[in-house]
Amino acid sequence: MELAQFVEDGFVRLPDAFPRDVAEAARAILWRDTGCDPDRPTTWTKPVIRLGDYPGGPFAEAVNTPVLHEAYDALVGAGRWLRRESLGTFPVRFPSPADPGDAGWHVDASFDYDDPDFFNWRVNVRSRGRALLMLFLFSDVGDDDAPTRIRVGSHAEIARRLAPAGNAGLTLRELAANGFAETAGCREVLATGDAGTVYLCHPFMVHAAQPHRGSRPRFMAQPPLLPASPLGLDIERGEAPVERAIRAALNEGSR
């Protein structure tokens, strides 16, 4: 795994991070709960269906492979992340000409989730509450299959944006106020790959959904990897790549 690439680009791509048969077992459960028939596209009437958290079974197996545990250790530090037993919400995207209504550029929040207005959820420069953003592909995803869009290197711009706000951080509303204009020049990458591929991203990565123009639904989870420390990352002294990336961004911004 290219740790230097993670610091600079903000993500690493791990093909075959979990077995294809695990993805298939999970997908069967998800298909059941969509209420749609996989063999009858006429039943796919919505551009996106969001399914709840699924603890245990193939979901816990997918997030806890030796390959992924080794990667978590390498990016965040051994003993500095919390084991997951589920993968959070699944936004299942179906081929559709309709606007899914959630395709804007954004950064995922990491604390103050108790506020009923999710635009008031917050992010701070220590990434309190989130060590990584993770994208788990449970179906084969090509360019037309609504792959998540990633702005390469955008994590550095967001670190510099967050720094003046200190530990209080910024709300999602404040972060999105300028439409993430500081990241508009970043190169865009699509999170494509076969089922079993995982993208491990810096928590400040700017990313976006998009409409599905393919022929088969896309199944993906995007859970956080939670830090062991409730205070967040050690950006002053921490040697893990996720911390070094923030420190490098702030040092670059001070020149």
C-alpha atoms as a PDB file:
ATOM      1  CA  MET A   1       0.000   0.000   0.000  1.00  0.00           C
ATOM      2  CA  GLU A   2       1.314   3.426  -0.972  1.00  0.00           C
ATOM      3  CA  LEU A   3       1.288   5.458   2.237  1.00  0.00           C
ATOM      4  CA  ALA A   4       2.918   8.456   0.582  1.00  0.00           C
ATOM      5  CA  GLN A   5       0.112   8.436  -1.997  1.00  0.00           C
ATOM      6  CA  PHE A   6      -2.442   8.546   0.807  1.00  0.00           C
ATOM      7  CA  VAL A   7      -0.768  11.605   2.356  1.00  0.00           C
ATOM      8  CA  GLU A   8      -0.664  13.431  -0.977  1.00  0.00           C
ATOM      9  CA  ASP A   9      -3.832  12.256  -2.746  1.00  0.00           C
ATOM     10  CA  GLY A  10      -6.002  11.489   0.266  1.00  0.00           C
ATOM     11  CA  PHE A  11      -6.991   7.914  -0.534  1.00  0.00           C
ATOM     12  CA  VAL A  12      -5.788   4.418  -1.387  1.00  0.00           C
ATOM     13  CA  ARG A  13      -7.659   1.823  -3.441  1.00  0.00           C
ATOM     14  CA  LEU A  14      -7.597  -1.804  -2.249  1.00  0.00           C
ATOM     15  CA  PRO A  15      -8.913  -4.353  -4.786  1.00  0.00           C
ATOM     16  CA  ASP A  16      -9.984  -7.707  -3.323  1.00  0.00           C
ATOM     17  CA  ALA A  17     -10.104  -6.222   0.173  1.00  0.00           C
ATOM     18  CA  PHE A  18     -12.912  -8.647   1.033  1.00  0.00           C
ATOM     19  CA  PRO A  19     -14.101 -11.800  -0.771  1.00  0.00           C
ATOM     20  CA  ARG A  20     -16.547 -11.652  -3.654  1.00  0.00           C
ATOM     21  CA  ASP A  21     -18.745 -14.342  -2.105  1.00  0.00           C
ATOM     22  CA  VAL A  22     -19.103 -12.167   1.010  1.00  0.00           C
ATOM     23  CA  ALA A  23     -20.273  -9.306  -1.215  1.00  0.00           C
ATOM     24  CA  GLU A  24     -22.782 -11.621  -2.884  1.00  0.00           C
ATOM     25  CA  ALA A  25     -24.166 -12.820   0.465  1.00  0.00           C
ATOM     26  CA  ALA A  26     -24.573  -9.250   1.680  1.00  0.00           C
ATOM     27  CA  ARG A  27     -26.150  -8.176  -1.610  1.00  0.00           C
ATOM     28  CA  ALA A  28     -28.802 -10.902  -1.332  1.00  0.00           C
ATOM     29  CA  ILE A  29     -29.882  -9.463   2.032  1.00  0.00           C
ATOM     30  CA  LEU A  30     -29.896  -5.935   0.659  1.00  0.00           C
ATOM     31  CA  TRP A  31     -31.906  -6.897  -2.428  1.00  0.00           C
ATOM     32  CA  ARG A  32     -34.526  -8.479  -0.164  1.00  0.00           C
ATOM     33  CA  ASP A  33     -34.865  -5.330   1.881  1.00  0.00           C
ATOM     34  CA  THR A  34     -35.150  -2.982  -1.099  1.00  0.00           C
ATOM     35  CA  GLY A  35     -38.490  -4.596  -1.906  1.00  0.00           C
ATOM     36  CA  CYS A  36     -37.357  -4.748  -5.536  1.00  0.00           C
ATOM     37  CA  ASP A  37     -36.915  -7.771  -7.787  1.00  0.00           C
ATOM     38  CA  PRO A  38     -33.350  -8.109  -9.153  1.00  0.00           C
ATOM     39  CA  ASP A  39     -34.740  -9.676 -12.336  1.00  0.00           C
ATOM     40  CA  ARG A  40     -37.508  -7.119 -12.974  1.00  0.00           C
ATOM     41  CA  PRO A  41     -36.206  -3.612 -13.692  1.00  0.00           C
ATOM     42  CA  THR A  42     -39.809  -2.372 -13.743  1.00  0.00           C
ATOM     43  CA  THR A  43     -39.718  -2.696  -9.934  1.00  0.00           C
ATOM     44  CA  TRP A  44     -36.741  -0.289  -9.708  1.00  0.00           C
ATOM     45  CA  THR A  45     -38.853   2.827  -9.401  1.00  0.00           C
ATOM     46  CA  LYS A  46     -36.589   5.086  -7.284  1.00  0.00           C
ATOM     47  CA  PRO A  47     -33.120   6.455  -8.079  1.00  0.00           C
ATOM     48  CA  VAL A  48     -31.883   5.587  -4.583  1.00  0.00           C
ATOM     49  CA  ILE A  49     -33.106   3.482  -1.665  1.00  0.00           C
ATOM     50  CA  ARG A  50     -31.355   3.865   1.691  1.00  0.00           C
ATOM     51  CA  LEU A  51     -31.110   0.805   3.875  1.00  0.00           C
ATOM     52  CA  GLY A  52     -30.229   0.769   7.564  1.00  0.00           C
ATOM     53  CA  ASP A  53     -27.310  -0.684   9.467  1.00  0.00           C
ATOM     54  CA  TYR A  54     -26.704  -4.450   9.332  1.00  0.00           C
ATOM     55  CA  PRO A  55     -24.609  -5.828  12.206  1.00  0.00           C
ATOM     56  CA  GLY A  56     -22.874  -9.176  11.946  1.00  0.00           C
ATOM     57  CA  GLY A  57     -22.916 -11.745   9.159  1.00  0.00           C
ATOM     58  CA  PRO A  58     -21.297 -10.870   5.831  1.00  0.00           C
ATOM     59  CA  PHE A  59     -21.222  -7.184   6.773  1.00  0.00           C
ATOM     60  CA  ALA A  60     -18.976  -7.730   9.792  1.00  0.00           C
ATOM     61  CA  GLU A  61     -16.914 -10.174   7.762  1.00  0.00           C
ATOM     62  CA  ALA A  62     -16.379  -7.635   4.970  1.00  0.00           C
ATOM     63  CA  VAL A  63     -15.092  -4.868   7.239  1.00  0.00           C
ATOM     64  CA  ASN A  64     -12.774  -7.086   9.301  1.00  0.00           C
ATOM     65  CA  THR A  65     -10.566  -8.942   6.820  1.00  0.00           C
ATOM     66  CA  PRO A  66      -6.846  -9.256   7.592  1.00  0.00           C
ATOM     67  CA  VAL A  67      -6.092  -7.045   4.580  1.00  0.00           C
ATOM     68  CA  LEU A  68      -8.259  -4.255   5.946  1.00  0.00           C
ATOM     69  CA  HIS A  69      -7.063  -4.542   9.541  1.00  0.00           C
ATOM     70  CA  GLU A  70      -3.504  -4.241   8.288  1.00  0.00           C
ATOM     71  CA  ALA A  71      -4.496  -1.176   6.256  1.00  0.00           C
ATOM     72  CA  TYR A  72      -6.252   0.460   9.228  1.00  0.00           C
ATOM     73  CA  ASP A  73      -3.097  -0.072  11.293  1.00  0.00           C
ATOM     74  CA  ALA A  74      -0.927   1.378   8.553  1.00  0.00           C
ATOM     75  CA  LEU A  75      -3.050   4.511   7.991  1.00  0.00           C
ATOM     76  CA  VAL A  76      -4.322   5.267  11.500  1.00  0.00           C
ATOM     77  CA  GLY A  77      -2.021   3.321  13.832  1.00  0.00           C
ATOM     78  CA  ALA A  78      -2.287  -0.004  15.664  1.00  0.00           C
ATOM     79  CA  GLY A  79      -4.616   0.259  18.638  1.00  0.00           C
ATOM     80  CA  ARG A  80      -5.871   3.674  17.541  1.00  0.00           C
ATOM     81  CA  TRP A  81      -9.093   2.661  15.790  1.00  0.00           C
ATOM     82  CA  LEU A  82     -12.238   0.847  16.893  1.00  0.00           C
ATOM     83  CA  ARG A  83     -13.345  -2.439  15.388  1.00  0.00           C
ATOM     84  CA  ARG A  84     -16.590  -2.264  13.419  1.00  0.00           C
ATOM     85  CA  GLU A  85     -19.275  -4.967  13.285  1.00  0.00           C
ATOM     86  CA  SER A  86     -21.421  -3.288  10.625  1.00  0.00           C
ATOM     87  CA  LEU A  87     -21.153  -0.891   7.692  1.00  0.00           C
ATOM     88  CA  GLY A  88     -23.723   1.794   8.377  1.00  0.00           C
ATOM     89  CA  THR A  89     -26.262   2.957   5.819  1.00  0.00           C
ATOM     90  CA  PHE A  90     -26.343   1.519   2.295  1.00  0.00           C
ATOM     91  CA  PRO A  91     -27.463   3.991  -0.394  1.00  0.00           C
ATOM     92  CA  VAL A  92     -28.509   1.556  -3.141  1.00  0.00           C
ATOM     93  CA  ARG A  93     -28.508   3.436  -6.458  1.00  0.00           C
ATOM     94  CA  PHE A  94     -30.681   2.327  -9.375  1.00  0.00           C
ATOM     95  CA  PRO A  95     -30.460   3.247 -13.072  1.00  0.00           C
ATOM     96  CA  SER A  96     -32.727   6.258 -13.448  1.00  0.00           C
ATOM     97  CA  PRO A  97     -33.088   9.522 -15.380  1.00  0.00           C
ATOM     98  CA  ALA A  98     -34.357  11.160 -12.174  1.00  0.00           C
ATOM     99  CA  ASP A  99     -32.184  13.394 -10.021  1.00  0.00           C
ATOM    100  CA  PRO A 100     -31.269  11.421  -6.873  1.00  0.00           C
ATOM    101  CA  GLY A 101     -31.294  14.672  -4.908  1.00  0.00           C
ATOM    102  CA  ASP A 102     -28.075  13.970  -3.003  1.00  0.00           C
ATOM    103  CA  ALA A 103     -25.324  14.437  -5.582  1.00  0.00           C
ATOM    104  CA  GLY A 104     -23.651  17.569  -4.216  1.00  0.00           C
ATOM    105  CA  TRP A 105     -20.006  17.850  -3.189  1.00  0.00           C
ATOM    106  CA  HIS A 106     -19.523  17.433   0.556  1.00  0.00           C
ATOM    107  CA  VAL A 107     -17.377  16.298   3.459  1.00  0.00           C
ATOM    108  CA  ASP A 108     -18.830  13.804   5.931  1.00  0.00           C
ATOM    109  CA  ALA A 109     -19.487  15.153   9.417  1.00  0.00           C
ATOM    110  CA  SER A 110     -17.983  13.462  12.452  1.00  0.00           C
ATOM    111  CA  PHE A 111     -19.562  14.867  15.645  1.00  0.00           C
ATOM    112  CA  ASP A 112     -22.572  16.700  17.145  1.00  0.00           C
ATOM    113  CA  TYR A 113     -24.887  14.135  15.575  1.00  0.00           C
ATOM    114  CA  ASP A 114     -27.497  14.799  18.275  1.00  0.00           C
ATOM    115  CA  ASP A 115     -28.561  18.013  16.532  1.00  0.00           C
ATOM    116  CA  PRO A 116     -31.751  17.284  14.521  1.00  0.00           C
ATOM    117  CA  ASP A 117     -30.529  19.514  11.672  1.00  0.00           C
ATOM    118  CA  PHE A 118     -27.745  17.527   9.993  1.00  0.00           C
ATOM    119  CA  PHE A 119     -26.363  20.737   8.460  1.00  0.00           C
ATOM    120  CA  ASN A 120     -25.359  21.612  12.034  1.00  0.00           C
ATOM    121  CA  TRP A 121     -23.260  18.468  12.386  1.00  0.00           C
ATOM    122  CA  ARG A 122     -19.586  19.342  12.670  1.00  0.00           C
ATOM    123  CA  VAL A 123     -16.049  18.578  11.532  1.00  0.00           C
ATOM    124  CA  ASN A 124     -12.875  19.844  13.172  1.00  0.00           C
ATOM    125  CA  VAL A 125      -9.208  19.853  12.218  1.00  0.00           C
ATOM    126  CA  ARG A 126      -8.518  16.901  14.559  1.00  0.00           C
ATOM    127  CA  SER A 127     -11.267  14.928  12.834  1.00  0.00           C
ATOM    128  CA  ARG A 128     -12.982  14.215  16.137  1.00  0.00           C
ATOM    129  CA  GLY A 129     -15.143  11.110  15.704  1.00  0.00           C
ATOM    130  CA  ARG A 130     -13.741   9.914  12.374  1.00  0.00           C
ATOM    131  CA  ALA A 131     -10.385   8.381  11.478  1.00  0.00           C
ATOM    132  CA  LEU A 132     -11.177   7.414   7.865  1.00  0.00           C
ATOM    133  CA  LEU A 133     -13.931   7.652   5.280  1.00  0.00           C
ATOM    134  CA  MET A 134     -14.355   4.199   3.714  1.00  0.00           C
ATOM    135  CA  LEU A 135     -16.096   3.180   0.474  1.00  0.00           C
ATOM    136  CA  PHE A 136     -17.005  -0.529   0.273  1.00  0.00           C
ATOM    137  CA  LEU A 137     -18.123  -1.792  -3.143  1.00  0.00           C
ATOM    138  CA  PHE A 138     -20.608  -4.663  -2.835  1.00  0.00           C
ATOM    139  CA  SER A 139     -21.305  -4.779  -6.579  1.00  0.00           C
ATOM    140  CA  ASP A 140     -19.156  -4.286  -9.657  1.00  0.00           C
ATOM    141  CA  VAL A 141     -19.021  -0.531 -10.303  1.00  0.00           C
ATOM    142  CA  GLY A 142     -18.050   0.927 -13.667  1.00  0.00           C
ATOM    143  CA  ASP A 143     -17.966   4.503 -14.903  1.00  0.00           C
ATOM    144  CA  ASP A 144     -21.722   4.552 -15.614  1.00  0.00           C
ATOM    145  CA  ASP A 145     -22.801   2.841 -12.381  1.00  0.00           C
ATOM    146  CA  ALA A 146     -22.969   5.940 -10.147  1.00  0.00           C
ATOM    147  CA  PRO A 147     -19.442   5.642  -8.751  1.00  0.00           C
ATOM    148  CA  THR A 148     -18.616   8.094  -5.996  1.00  0.00           C
ATOM    149  CA  ARG A 149     -16.663  11.081  -7.317  1.00  0.00           C
ATOM    150  CA  ILE A 150     -13.495  11.942  -5.382  1.00  0.00           C
ATOM    151  CA  ARG A 151     -11.582  15.221  -5.552  1.00  0.00           C
ATOM    152  CA  VAL A 152      -7.957  14.153  -5.312  1.00  0.00           C
ATOM    153  CA  GLY A 153      -5.980  16.169  -2.762  1.00  0.00           C
ATOM    154  CA  SER A 154      -9.059  18.009  -1.490  1.00  0.00           C
ATOM    155  CA  HIS A 155      -8.371  16.796   2.061  1.00  0.00           C
ATOM    156  CA  ALA A 156      -5.468  19.265   2.284  1.00  0.00           C
ATOM    157  CA  GLU A 157      -7.665  22.212   1.311  1.00  0.00           C
ATOM    158  CA  ILE A 158     -10.271  21.221   3.896  1.00  0.00           C
ATOM    159  CA  ALA A 159      -7.616  20.863   6.623  1.00  0.00           C
ATOM    160  CA  ARG A 160      -6.518  24.440   5.949  1.00  0.00           C
ATOM    161  CA  ARG A 161     -10.140  25.587   5.968  1.00  0.00           C
ATOM    162  CA  LEU A 162     -10.796  23.916   9.337  1.00  0.00           C
ATOM    163  CA  ALA A 163      -7.629  24.969  11.144  1.00  0.00           C
ATOM    164  CA  PRO A 164      -8.700  28.517  12.136  1.00  0.00           C
ATOM    165  CA  ALA A 165     -11.873  27.110  13.760  1.00  0.00           C
ATOM    166  CA  GLY A 166      -9.865  25.023  16.241  1.00  0.00           C
ATOM    167  CA  ASN A 167     -11.487  22.245  18.234  1.00  0.00           C
ATOM    168  CA  ALA A 168     -14.994  23.665  17.744  1.00  0.00           C
ATOM    169  CA  GLY A 169     -14.679  23.108  14.017  1.00  0.00           C
ATOM    170  CA  LEU A 170     -17.239  24.075  11.409  1.00  0.00           C
ATOM    171  CA  THR A 171     -20.754  22.896  10.673  1.00  0.00           C
ATOM    172  CA  LEU A 172     -21.592  21.239   7.381  1.00  0.00           C
ATOM    173  CA  ARG A 173     -23.535  24.393   6.534  1.00  0.00           C
ATOM    174  CA  GLU A 174     -20.450  26.537   7.079  1.00  0.00           C
ATOM    175  CA  LEU A 175     -18.197  24.173   5.145  1.00  0.00           C
ATOM    176  CA  ALA A 176     -20.568  24.083   2.182  1.00  0.00           C
ATOM    177  CA  ALA A 177     -21.221  27.835   2.126  1.00  0.00           C
ATOM    178  CA  ASN A 178     -18.768  28.455  -0.716  1.00  0.00           C
ATOM    179  CA  GLY A 179     -19.622  25.259  -2.592  1.00  0.00           C
ATOM    180  CA  PHE A 180     -16.157  23.886  -1.773  1.00  0.00           C
ATOM    181  CA  ALA A 181     -14.703  26.351  -4.268  1.00  0.00           C
ATOM    182  CA  GLU A 182     -11.186  25.823  -2.931  1.00  0.00           C
ATOM    183  CA  THR A 183     -11.297  22.224  -4.215  1.00  0.00           C
ATOM    184  CA  ALA A 184     -12.821  22.939  -7.651  1.00  0.00           C
ATOM    185  CA  GLY A 185      -9.437  22.608  -9.358  1.00  0.00           C
ATOM    186  CA  CYS A 186      -8.702  19.187  -7.907  1.00  0.00           C
ATOM    187  CA  ARG A 187      -8.439  16.224 -10.270  1.00  0.00           C
ATOM    188  CA  GLU A 188     -11.505  13.991 -10.133  1.00  0.00           C
ATOM    189  CA  VAL A 189     -11.342  10.212  -9.708  1.00  0.00           C
ATOM    190  CA  LEU A 190     -14.249   7.763  -9.838  1.00  0.00           C
ATOM    191  CA  ALA A 191     -14.504   5.074  -7.166  1.00  0.00           C
ATOM    192  CA  THR A 192     -14.894   2.149  -9.567  1.00  0.00           C
ATOM    193  CA  GLY A 193     -13.923  -1.491  -9.170  1.00  0.00           C
ATOM    194  CA  ASP A 194     -15.126  -5.034  -8.743  1.00  0.00           C
ATOM    195  CA  ALA A 195     -17.195  -6.131  -5.775  1.00  0.00           C
ATOM    196  CA  GLY A 196     -14.796  -6.464  -2.848  1.00  0.00           C
ATOM    197  CA  THR A 197     -12.891  -3.281  -3.665  1.00  0.00           C
ATOM    198  CA  VAL A 198     -12.480  -0.760  -0.834  1.00  0.00           C
ATOM    199  CA  TYR A 199     -11.360   2.875  -0.976  1.00  0.00           C
ATOM    200  CA  LEU A 200      -9.829   4.129   2.262  1.00  0.00           C
ATOM    201  CA  CYS A 201     -10.036   7.915   2.235  1.00  0.00           C
ATOM    202  CA  HIS A 202      -8.868  10.733   4.457  1.00  0.00           C
ATOM    203  CA  PRO A 203     -11.804  11.947   6.585  1.00  0.00           C
ATOM    204  CA  PHE A 204     -11.580  15.405   4.968  1.00  0.00           C
ATOM    205  CA  MET A 205     -11.971  14.077   1.423  1.00  0.00           C
ATOM    206  CA  VAL A 206     -14.467  16.066  -0.670  1.00  0.00           C
ATOM    207  CA  HIS A 207     -16.655  13.620  -2.572  1.00  0.00           C
ATOM    208  CA  ALA A 208     -20.048  13.369  -4.241  1.00  0.00           C
ATOM    209  CA  ALA A 209     -22.657  10.937  -5.449  1.00  0.00           C
ATOM    210  CA  GLN A 210     -23.999  11.063  -9.007  1.00  0.00           C
ATOM    211  CA  PRO A 211     -26.946   9.757 -11.061  1.00  0.00           C
ATOM    212  CA  HIS A 212     -26.827   6.138 -12.215  1.00  0.00           C
ATOM    213  CA  ARG A 213     -26.543   5.814 -16.006  1.00  0.00           C
ATOM    214  CA  GLY A 214     -25.731   2.113 -16.158  1.00  0.00           C
ATOM    215  CA  SER A 215     -27.908  -0.989 -16.252  1.00  0.00           C
ATOM    216  CA  ARG A 216     -27.503  -2.711 -12.860  1.00  0.00           C
ATOM    217  CA  PRO A 217     -27.993  -1.229  -9.362  1.00  0.00           C
ATOM    218  CA  ARG A 218     -24.952  -0.177  -7.377  1.00  0.00           C
ATOM    219  CA  PHE A 219     -24.502  -1.476  -3.842  1.00  0.00           C
ATOM    220  CA  MET A 220     -22.010   0.420  -1.683  1.00  0.00           C
ATOM    221  CA  ALA A 221     -21.440   1.297   1.972  1.00  0.00           C
ATOM    222  CA  GLN A 222     -19.548   4.353   3.182  1.00  0.00           C
ATOM    223  CA  PRO A 223     -18.946   3.965   6.927  1.00  0.00           C
ATOM    224  CA  PRO A 224     -16.418   5.831   9.054  1.00  0.00           C
ATOM    225  CA  LEU A 225     -13.547   4.115  10.772  1.00  0.00           C
ATOM    226  CA  LEU A 226     -13.853   5.452  14.304  1.00  0.00           C
ATOM    227  CA  PRO A 227     -10.810   6.623  16.252  1.00  0.00           C
ATOM    228  CA  ALA A 228     -10.027   5.103  19.647  1.00  0.00           C
ATOM    229  CA  SER A 229      -9.470   8.565  21.124  1.00  0.00           C
ATOM    230  CA  PRO A 230     -12.592  10.692  21.612  1.00  0.00           C
ATOM    231  CA  LEU A 231     -10.472  13.817  21.051  1.00  0.00           C
ATOM    232  CA  GLY A 232      -9.592  12.868  17.501  1.00  0.00           C
ATOM    233  CA  LEU A 233      -6.246  12.759  15.717  1.00  0.00           C
ATOM    234  CA  ASP A 234      -2.898  13.931  17.113  1.00  0.00           C
ATOM    235  CA  ILE A 235      -2.044  16.458  14.429  1.00  0.00           C
ATOM    236  CA  GLU A 236       0.940  17.924  16.280  1.00  0.00           C
ATOM    237  CA  ARG A 237       2.959  14.744  16.845  1.00  0.00           C
ATOM    238  CA  GLY A 238       1.066  11.835  15.311  1.00  0.00           C
ATOM    239  CA  GLU A 239       3.056   9.817  12.798  1.00  0.00           C
ATOM    240  CA  ALA A 240       0.191   7.952  11.140  1.00  0.00           C
ATOM    241  CA  PRO A 241      -0.379   8.974   7.500  1.00  0.00           C
ATOM    242  CA  VAL A 242      -3.853  10.325   8.307  1.00  0.00           C
ATOM    243  CA  GLU A 243      -2.227  12.762  10.757  1.00  0.00           C
ATOM    244  CA  ARG A 244       0.811  13.519   8.608  1.00  0.00           C
ATOM    245  CA  ALA A 245      -1.509  14.560   5.780  1.00  0.00           C
ATOM    246  CA  ILE A 246      -3.144  17.226   7.968  1.00  0.00           C
ATOM    247  CA  ARG A 247       0.183  18.469   9.304  1.00  0.00           C
ATOM    248  CA  ALA A 248       1.636  18.659   5.785  1.00  0.00           C
ATOM    249  CA  ALA A 249      -1.369  20.650   4.593  1.00  0.00           C
ATOM    250  CA  LEU A 250      -1.111  23.123   7.450  1.00  0.00           C
ATOM    251  CA  ASN A 251       2.642  23.521   7.022  1.00  0.00           C
ATOM    252  CA  GLU A 252       2.175  24.131   3.297  1.00  0.00           C
ATOM    253  CA  GLY A 253      -0.504  26.712   4.015  1.00  0.00           C
ATOM    254  CA  SER A 254       1.742  28.634   6.406  1.00  0.00           C
ATOM    255  CA  ARG A 255       4.483  29.226   3.844  1.00  0.00           C
END
